[in-house]
C-alpha atoms as a PDB file:
ATOM      1  CA  MET A   1     -59.125  19.317 -33.892  1.00  0.00           C
ATOM      2  CA  ARG A   2     -59.567  23.052 -34.565  1.00  0.00           C
ATOM      3  CA  ARG A   3     -55.994  23.304 -35.859  1.00  0.00           C
ATOM      4  CA  LEU A   4     -56.554  20.305 -38.140  1.00  0.00           C
ATOM      5  CA  LEU A   5     -59.706  21.877 -39.577  1.00  0.00           C
ATOM      6  CA  ILE A   6     -57.900  25.138 -40.360  1.00  0.00           C
ATOM      7  CA  LEU A   7     -55.135  23.217 -42.103  1.00  0.00           C
ATOM      8  CA  ALA A   8     -57.737  21.275 -44.068  1.00  0.00           C
ATOM      9  CA  VAL A   9     -59.189  24.512 -45.424  1.00  0.00           C
ATOM     10  CA  LEU A  10     -55.901  25.292 -47.127  1.00  0.00           C
ATOM     11  CA  MET A  11     -56.062  21.996 -49.017  1.00  0.00           C
ATOM     12  CA  PHE A  12     -59.343  22.739 -50.786  1.00  0.00           C
ATOM     13  CA  PRO A  13     -60.217  25.287 -53.494  1.00  0.00           C
ATOM     14  CA  ALA A  14     -61.648  28.575 -52.233  1.00  0.00           C
ATOM     15  CA  SER A  15     -64.722  27.975 -54.389  1.00  0.00           C
ATOM     16  CA  ALA A  16     -65.674  24.805 -52.496  1.00  0.00           C
ATOM     17  CA  GLN A  17     -68.895  25.142 -50.555  1.00  0.00           C
ATOM     18  CA  ALA A  18     -68.224  25.040 -46.816  1.00  0.00           C
ATOM     19  CA  GLN A  19     -70.017  24.865 -43.503  1.00  0.00           C
ATOM     20  CA  MET A  20     -69.130  27.681 -41.105  1.00  0.00           C
ATOM     21  CA  LEU A  21     -70.139  27.793 -37.457  1.00  0.00           C
ATOM     22  CA  PHE A  22     -69.904  31.121 -35.670  1.00  0.00           C
ATOM     23  CA  GLU A  23     -70.903  32.807 -32.441  1.00  0.00           C
ATOM     24  CA  ASN A  24     -71.530  36.457 -31.517  1.00  0.00           C
ATOM     25  CA  PRO A  25     -71.051  38.236 -34.858  1.00  0.00           C
ATOM     26  CA  ARG A  26     -71.258  41.990 -35.227  1.00  0.00           C
ATOM     27  CA  VAL A  27     -74.043  43.221 -37.500  1.00  0.00           C
ATOM     28  CA  VAL A  28     -72.657  45.610 -40.114  1.00  0.00           C
ATOM     29  CA  ASP A  29     -75.950  46.287 -41.869  1.00  0.00           C
ATOM     30  CA  GLY A  30     -79.161  44.499 -42.822  1.00  0.00           C
ATOM     31  CA  ASP A  31     -77.439  41.740 -44.800  1.00  0.00           C
ATOM     32  CA  THR A  32     -73.822  41.688 -43.614  1.00  0.00           C
ATOM     33  CA  LEU A  33     -72.209  40.129 -40.525  1.00  0.00           C
ATOM     34  CA  ALA A  34     -68.646  40.522 -39.244  1.00  0.00           C
ATOM     35  CA  PHE A  35     -66.795  37.735 -37.445  1.00  0.00           C
ATOM     36  CA  ASN A  36     -63.410  38.742 -35.985  1.00  0.00           C
ATOM     37  CA  GLY A  37     -62.181  40.368 -39.171  1.00  0.00           C
ATOM     38  CA  SER A  38     -64.209  38.396 -41.738  1.00  0.00           C
ATOM     39  CA  TYR A  39     -67.337  39.588 -43.538  1.00  0.00           C
ATOM     40  CA  VAL A  40     -70.244  37.291 -44.372  1.00  0.00           C
ATOM     41  CA  ARG A  41     -72.953  38.524 -46.741  1.00  0.00           C
ATOM     42  CA  LEU A  42     -76.396  36.864 -46.586  1.00  0.00           C
ATOM     43  CA  HIS A  43     -77.093  34.864 -49.729  1.00  0.00           C
ATOM     44  CA  GLY A  44     -79.989  35.664 -52.073  1.00  0.00           C
ATOM     45  CA  ILE A  45     -81.108  38.980 -50.549  1.00  0.00           C
ATOM     46  CA  ASP A  46     -80.225  42.668 -50.677  1.00  0.00           C
ATOM     47  CA  ALA A  47     -81.147  44.774 -47.645  1.00  0.00           C
ATOM     48  CA  VAL A  48     -81.497  48.539 -47.667  1.00  0.00           C
ATOM     49  CA  GLU A  49     -78.105  50.100 -46.900  1.00  0.00           C
ATOM     50  CA  ARG A  50     -77.249  51.204 -43.368  1.00  0.00           C
ATOM     51  CA  ASP A  51     -77.320  54.945 -44.257  1.00  0.00           C
ATOM     52  CA  GLN A  52     -80.297  54.664 -46.596  1.00  0.00           C
ATOM     53  CA  GLU A  53     -83.501  56.578 -45.918  1.00  0.00           C
ATOM     54  CA  CYS A  54     -86.997  55.864 -47.227  1.00  0.00           C
ATOM     55  CA  ILE A  55     -90.082  58.075 -47.358  1.00  0.00           C
ATOM     56  CA  ARG A  56     -93.003  56.794 -45.309  1.00  0.00           C
ATOM     57  CA  ALA A  57     -96.198  58.802 -44.730  1.00  0.00           C
ATOM     58  CA  SER A  58     -94.419  61.827 -46.260  1.00  0.00           C
ATOM     59  CA  GLU A  59     -91.660  61.616 -43.627  1.00  0.00           C
ATOM     60  CA  ARG A  60     -88.082  60.419 -43.806  1.00  0.00           C
ATOM     61  CA  TRP A  61     -87.592  57.005 -42.281  1.00  0.00           C
ATOM     62  CA  ARG A  62     -84.149  55.558 -41.537  1.00  0.00           C
ATOM     63  CA  CYS A  63     -85.039  52.233 -43.090  1.00  0.00           C
ATOM     64  CA  GLY A  64     -81.414  51.116 -43.383  1.00  0.00           C
ATOM     65  CA  GLU A  65     -80.834  51.683 -39.697  1.00  0.00           C
ATOM     66  CA  GLU A  66     -83.964  49.699 -38.872  1.00  0.00           C
ATOM     67  CA  ALA A  67     -82.768  46.829 -41.070  1.00  0.00           C
ATOM     68  CA  GLY A  68     -79.568  46.630 -39.031  1.00  0.00           C
ATOM     69  CA  THR A  69     -81.536  46.751 -35.786  1.00  0.00           C
ATOM     70  CA  VAL A  70     -83.836  43.904 -36.847  1.00  0.00           C
ATOM     71  CA  LEU A  71     -80.918  41.709 -37.934  1.00  0.00           C
ATOM     72  CA  SER A  72     -79.146  42.453 -34.625  1.00  0.00           C
ATOM     73  CA  GLU A  73     -82.234  41.291 -32.726  1.00  0.00           C
ATOM     74  CA  LEU A  74     -82.346  38.061 -34.725  1.00  0.00           C
ATOM     75  CA  VAL A  75     -78.631  37.375 -34.226  1.00  0.00           C
ATOM     76  CA  ALA A  76     -78.916  37.963 -30.468  1.00  0.00           C
ATOM     77  CA  ARG A  77     -81.246  34.960 -30.128  1.00  0.00           C
ATOM     78  CA  GLY A  78     -78.530  32.307 -30.387  1.00  0.00           C
ATOM     79  CA  THR A  79     -75.544  30.874 -32.240  1.00  0.00           C
ATOM     80  CA  VAL A  80     -75.260  31.841 -35.885  1.00  0.00           C
ATOM     81  CA  ASN A  81     -74.808  28.900 -38.266  1.00  0.00           C
ATOM     82  CA  CYS A  82     -73.731  29.755 -41.821  1.00  0.00           C
ATOM     83  CA  ARG A  83     -73.312  27.622 -44.937  1.00  0.00           C
ATOM     84  CA  GLN A  84     -71.086  29.320 -47.494  1.00  0.00           C
ATOM     85  CA  MET A  85     -72.402  29.455 -51.061  1.00  0.00           C
ATOM     86  CA  GLY A  86     -69.635  31.490 -52.675  1.00  0.00           C
ATOM     87  CA  THR A  87     -67.693  34.768 -52.566  1.00  0.00           C
ATOM     88  CA  ASP A  88     -68.757  38.204 -53.811  1.00  0.00           C
ATOM     89  CA  GLN A  89     -66.773  40.833 -55.729  1.00  0.00           C
ATOM     90  CA  TYR A  90     -65.535  42.365 -52.477  1.00  0.00           C
ATOM     91  CA  GLY A  91     -64.049  39.097 -51.254  1.00  0.00           C
ATOM     92  CA  ARG A  92     -66.777  38.510 -48.676  1.00  0.00           C
ATOM     93  CA  ALA A  93     -68.130  35.032 -48.046  1.00  0.00           C
ATOM     94  CA  VAL A  94     -71.748  34.734 -49.243  1.00  0.00           C
ATOM     95  CA  ALA A  95     -73.698  32.354 -47.044  1.00  0.00           C
ATOM     96  CA  ILE A  96     -77.096  31.150 -45.899  1.00  0.00           C
ATOM     97  CA  CYS A  97     -77.147  31.906 -42.174  1.00  0.00           C
ATOM     98  CA  SER A  98     -79.592  30.878 -39.486  1.00  0.00           C
ATOM     99  CA  VAL A  99     -80.177  31.152 -35.751  1.00  0.00           C
ATOM    100  CA  ASN A 100     -82.116  28.355 -34.064  1.00  0.00           C
ATOM    101  CA  ARG A 101     -83.019  27.056 -37.568  1.00  0.00           C
ATOM    102  CA  VAL A 102     -84.473  30.462 -38.505  1.00  0.00           C
ATOM    103  CA  ASP A 103     -83.125  31.626 -41.884  1.00  0.00           C
ATOM    104  CA  LEU A 104     -81.894  35.198 -41.347  1.00  0.00           C
ATOM    105  CA  GLY A 105     -82.235  36.155 -45.022  1.00  0.00           C
ATOM    106  CA  LYS A 106     -85.796  34.890 -45.111  1.00  0.00           C
ATOM    107  CA  ARG A 107     -86.754  36.868 -42.009  1.00  0.00           C
ATOM    108  CA  MET A 108     -85.239  40.081 -43.401  1.00  0.00           C
ATOM    109  CA  VAL A 109     -87.271  39.735 -46.600  1.00  0.00           C
ATOM    110  CA  GLN A 110     -90.416  38.863 -44.637  1.00  0.00           C
ATOM    111  CA  ALA A 111     -89.859  41.982 -42.493  1.00  0.00           C
ATOM    112  CA  GLY A 112     -89.892  44.082 -45.650  1.00  0.00           C
ATOM    113  CA  LEU A 113     -86.327  45.298 -45.087  1.00  0.00           C
ATOM    114  CA  ALA A 114     -84.620  43.421 -47.907  1.00  0.00           C
ATOM    115  CA  VAL A 115     -85.419  42.485 -51.486  1.00  0.00           C
ATOM    116  CA  ALA A 116     -84.963  39.035 -52.993  1.00  0.00           C
ATOM    117  CA  LEU A 117     -82.267  38.444 -55.602  1.00  0.00           C
ATOM    118  CA  PRO A 118     -83.812  35.877 -57.964  1.00  0.00           C
ATOM    119  CA  ALA A 119     -80.699  35.881 -60.159  1.00  0.00           C
ATOM    120  CA  TYR A 120     -78.897  34.177 -57.258  1.00  0.00           C
ATOM    121  CA  SER A 121     -81.704  32.322 -55.469  1.00  0.00           C
ATOM    122  CA  GLN A 122     -85.426  31.718 -55.889  1.00  0.00           C
ATOM    123  CA  GLU A 123     -85.743  30.896 -52.188  1.00  0.00           C
ATOM    124  CA  TYR A 124     -87.014  34.312 -51.076  1.00  0.00           C
ATOM    125  CA  VAL A 125     -89.056  35.449 -54.063  1.00  0.00           C
ATOM    126  CA  ALA A 126     -92.397  34.343 -52.582  1.00  0.00           C
ATOM    127  CA  ASP A 127     -91.520  36.041 -49.275  1.00  0.00           C
ATOM    128  CA  GLU A 128     -90.869  39.296 -51.104  1.00  0.00           C
ATOM    129  CA  GLN A 129     -94.139  39.031 -52.990  1.00  0.00           C
ATOM    130  CA  ALA A 130     -96.029  38.467 -49.715  1.00  0.00           C
ATOM    131  CA  ALA A 131     -94.343  41.423 -47.985  1.00  0.00           C
ATOM    132  CA  LYS A 132     -95.050  43.621 -50.987  1.00  0.00           C
ATOM    133  CA  ALA A 133     -98.728  42.573 -51.119  1.00  0.00           C
ATOM    134  CA  GLN A 134     -99.126  43.323 -47.403  1.00  0.00           C
ATOM    135  CA  GLN A 135     -97.123  46.574 -47.668  1.00  0.00           C
ATOM    136  CA  ILE A 136     -94.681  45.577 -44.960  1.00  0.00           C
ATOM    137  CA  GLY A 137     -91.553  47.631 -44.291  1.00  0.00           C
ATOM    138  CA  ILE A 138     -90.116  49.316 -47.363  1.00  0.00           C
ATOM    139  CA  TRP A 139     -93.125  48.233 -49.413  1.00  0.00           C
ATOM    140  CA  ALA A 140     -95.192  50.802 -47.501  1.00  0.00           C
ATOM    141  CA  SER A 141     -92.747  53.539 -48.445  1.00  0.00           C
ATOM    142  CA  GLU A 142     -90.922  55.182 -51.320  1.00  0.00           C
ATOM    143  CA  PHE A 143     -87.425  53.761 -51.573  1.00  0.00           C
ATOM    144  CA  GLU A 144     -84.507  53.203 -53.898  1.00  0.00           C
ATOM    145  CA  GLN A 145     -83.476  49.683 -54.672  1.00  0.00           C
ATOM    146  CA  PRO A 146     -80.356  48.991 -52.569  1.00  0.00           C
ATOM    147  CA  ALA A 147     -78.293  48.412 -55.722  1.00  0.00           C
ATOM    148  CA  ASP A 148     -79.364  51.796 -57.102  1.00  0.00           C
ATOM    149  CA  TYR A 149     -78.506  53.479 -53.805  1.00  0.00           C
ATOM    150  CA  ARG A 150     -75.020  51.952 -53.846  1.00  0.00           C
ATOM    151  CA  ALA A 151     -74.518  53.083 -57.425  1.00  0.00           C
ATOM    152  CA  ALA A 152     -75.487  56.640 -56.445  1.00  0.00           C
ATOM    153  CA  TYR A 153     -73.316  56.602 -53.301  1.00  0.00           C
ATOM    154  CA  PRO A 154     -70.397  54.237 -53.999  1.00  0.00           C
ATOM    155  CA  GLN A 155     -68.421  55.597 -51.047  1.00  0.00           C
ATOM    156  CA  LYS A 156     -71.098  54.160 -48.751  1.00  0.00           C
ATOM    157  CA  ALA A 157     -71.344  50.791 -50.460  1.00  0.00           C
ATOM    158  CA  LEU A 158     -68.835  48.841 -48.377  1.00  0.00           C
ATOM    159  CA  PRO A 159     -67.974  49.645 -44.755  1.00  0.00           C
ATOM    160  CA  GLN A 160     -64.388  49.683 -43.550  1.00  0.00           C
ATOM    161  CA  ALA A 161     -63.087  46.174 -42.952  1.00  0.00           C
ATOM    162  CA  PRO A 162     -63.381  45.221 -39.280  1.00  0.00           C
ATOM    163  CA  ARG A 163     -60.156  44.705 -37.392  1.00  0.00           C
ATOM    164  CA  HIS A 164     -59.343  41.308 -35.981  1.00  0.00           C
ATOM    165  CA  THR A 165     -59.923  41.552 -32.226  1.00  0.00           C
ATOM    166  CA  GLY A 166     -57.552  38.798 -31.245  1.00  0.00           C
ATOM    167  CA  GLY A 167     -60.387  36.376 -30.524  1.00  0.00           C
ATOM    168  CA  PRO A 168     -60.794  33.012 -32.269  1.00  0.00           C
ATOM    169  CA  MET A 169     -61.227  33.154 -36.021  1.00  0.00           C
ATOM    170  CA  PRO A 170     -64.228  31.343 -37.554  1.00  0.00           C
ATOM    171  CA  THR A 171     -63.846  27.608 -37.966  1.00  0.00           C
ATOM    172  CA  ILE A 172     -64.511  26.555 -41.550  1.00  0.00           C
ATOM    173  CA  VAL A 173     -65.166  22.894 -42.214  1.00  0.00           C
ATOM    174  CA  PRO A 174     -64.593  22.344 -45.946  1.00  0.00           C
ATOM    175  CA  THR A 175     -66.382  19.964 -48.210  1.00  0.00           C
ATOM    176  CA  SER A 176     -64.648  17.993 -50.903  1.00  0.00           C
ATOM    177  CA  PRO A 177     -64.105  19.552 -54.366  1.00  0.00           C
ATOM    178  CA  ARG A 178     -67.379  17.846 -55.416  1.00  0.00           C
ATOM    179  CA  ASN A 179     -69.200  19.503 -52.491  1.00  0.00           C
ATOM    180  CA  GLU A 180     -69.593  16.149 -50.754  1.00  0.00           C
ATOM    181  CA  VAL A 181     -69.020  15.361 -47.088  1.00  0.00           C
ATOM    182  CA  TYR A 182     -68.972  11.864 -45.625  1.00  0.00           C
ATOM    183  CA  PHE A 183     -68.903  10.867 -41.956  1.00  0.00           C
ATOM    184  CA  ARG A 184     -68.856   7.234 -40.836  1.00  0.00           C
ATOM    185  CA  ASN A 185     -70.907   8.048 -37.756  1.00  0.00           C
ATOM    186  CA  CYS A 186     -72.318  10.857 -35.634  1.00  0.00           C
ATOM    187  CA  ARG A 187     -69.226  10.929 -33.452  1.00  0.00           C
ATOM    188  CA  GLU A 188     -67.142  12.002 -36.459  1.00  0.00           C
ATOM    189  CA  ALA A 189     -69.768  14.554 -37.511  1.00  0.00           C
ATOM    190  CA  ARG A 190     -69.865  16.103 -34.040  1.00  0.00           C
ATOM    191  CA  ALA A 191     -66.080  16.234 -33.829  1.00  0.00           C
ATOM    192  CA  ALA A 192     -65.996  18.134 -37.125  1.00  0.00           C
ATOM    193  CA  GLY A 193     -68.648  20.582 -35.954  1.00  0.00           C
ATOM    194  CA  TYR A 194     -71.256  19.405 -38.460  1.00  0.00           C
ATOM    195  CA  ALA A 195     -73.929  18.006 -36.150  1.00  0.00           C
ATOM    196  CA  PRO A 196     -76.842  18.233 -36.270  1.00  0.00           C
ATOM    197  CA  MET A 197     -77.292  17.855 -40.040  1.00  0.00           C
ATOM    198  CA  TYR A 198     -80.556  18.345 -41.882  1.00  0.00           C
ATOM    199  CA  ARG A 199     -81.905  16.459 -44.871  1.00  0.00           C
ATOM    200  CA  GLY A 200     -80.373  18.002 -48.019  1.00  0.00           C
ATOM    201  CA  GLN A 201     -77.310  19.391 -46.261  1.00  0.00           C
ATOM    202  CA  PRO A 202     -73.779  18.087 -46.915  1.00  0.00           C
ATOM    203  CA  GLY A 203     -73.001  15.069 -44.762  1.00  0.00           C
ATOM    204  CA  TYR A 204     -76.592  14.003 -44.096  1.00  0.00           C
ATOM    205  CA  ARG A 205     -77.308  10.285 -44.548  1.00  0.00           C
ATOM    206  CA  PRO A 206     -80.560   8.447 -43.670  1.00  0.00           C
ATOM    207  CA  GLU A 207     -78.483   5.852 -41.824  1.00  0.00           C
ATOM    208  CA  MET A 208     -77.516   8.558 -39.306  1.00  0.00           C
ATOM    209  CA  ASP A 209     -81.112   9.736 -38.857  1.00  0.00           C
ATOM    210  CA  GLY A 210     -82.395   7.171 -36.389  1.00  0.00           C
ATOM    211  CA  ASP A 211     -85.952   8.510 -36.040  1.00  0.00           C
ATOM    212  CA  ASN A 212     -86.223   9.555 -39.712  1.00  0.00           C
ATOM    213  CA  ASP A 213     -87.275  13.090 -38.810  1.00  0.00           C
ATOM    214  CA  GLY A 214     -84.916  14.748 -41.271  1.00  0.00           C
ATOM    215  CA  VAL A 215     -82.312  15.599 -38.618  1.00  0.00           C
ATOM    216  CA  ALA A 216     -79.214  13.431 -38.317  1.00  0.00           C
ATOM    217  CA  CYS A 217     -77.001  13.354 -35.216  1.00  0.00           C
ATOM    218  CA  GLU A 218     -79.350  15.534 -33.213  1.00  0.00           C
ATOM    219  CA  PRO A 219     -78.722  15.955 -29.471  1.00  0.00           C
ATOM    220  CA  TYR A 220     -80.113  13.159 -27.318  1.00  0.00           C
ATOM    221  CA  ARG A 221     -83.318  14.092 -25.540  1.00  0.00           C
ATOM    222  CA  GLY A 222     -84.175  11.904 -22.589  1.00  0.00           C
ATOM    223  CA  ARG A 223     -87.758  10.860 -21.986  1.00  0.00           C
END
């Protein structure tokens, strides 16, 4: 099945939205993950860079290092599930990633360690406004916008590409060119690595959501 999925990827345009299921990524910085030689950038946010410093209470604070630490703690809580939204100018996949249904981008913005990018997504704008109002993280300090920091220090903008370790490469389950996925039943969805599916995600159909709780093909829980 894994070999068939990899072959299927080659049959679809690179721009097609895809579901990607990963385990045990390496955290590169506050908004970038590395999976056996492939980068994934979190969609809709921009975290302070790994070498970036902020000024808090008149003292230098390694805010970029803390951003990486917080993301590492979130990733360590379980399997990382990413849904690719596109590709950036560096060739990295841009994706919405979660652990145990917790949106990693959302948590980074709520922690005050990343800014929202409304030009790409409105999803995290309210979270940024709340963190700013409560002076959480960078909002309680003097800091450069991450984009401005990268412009000032372009040599620090993109870390060296990670080497493939010889472990399994990420499995990418493509959608159709129209970003549609159809499974006849939950058995097919599980075999393709798509289950469980949530309302609004590719592949979800009410007919596969037996208890109408917004989650299709969820694991059976005995009484």
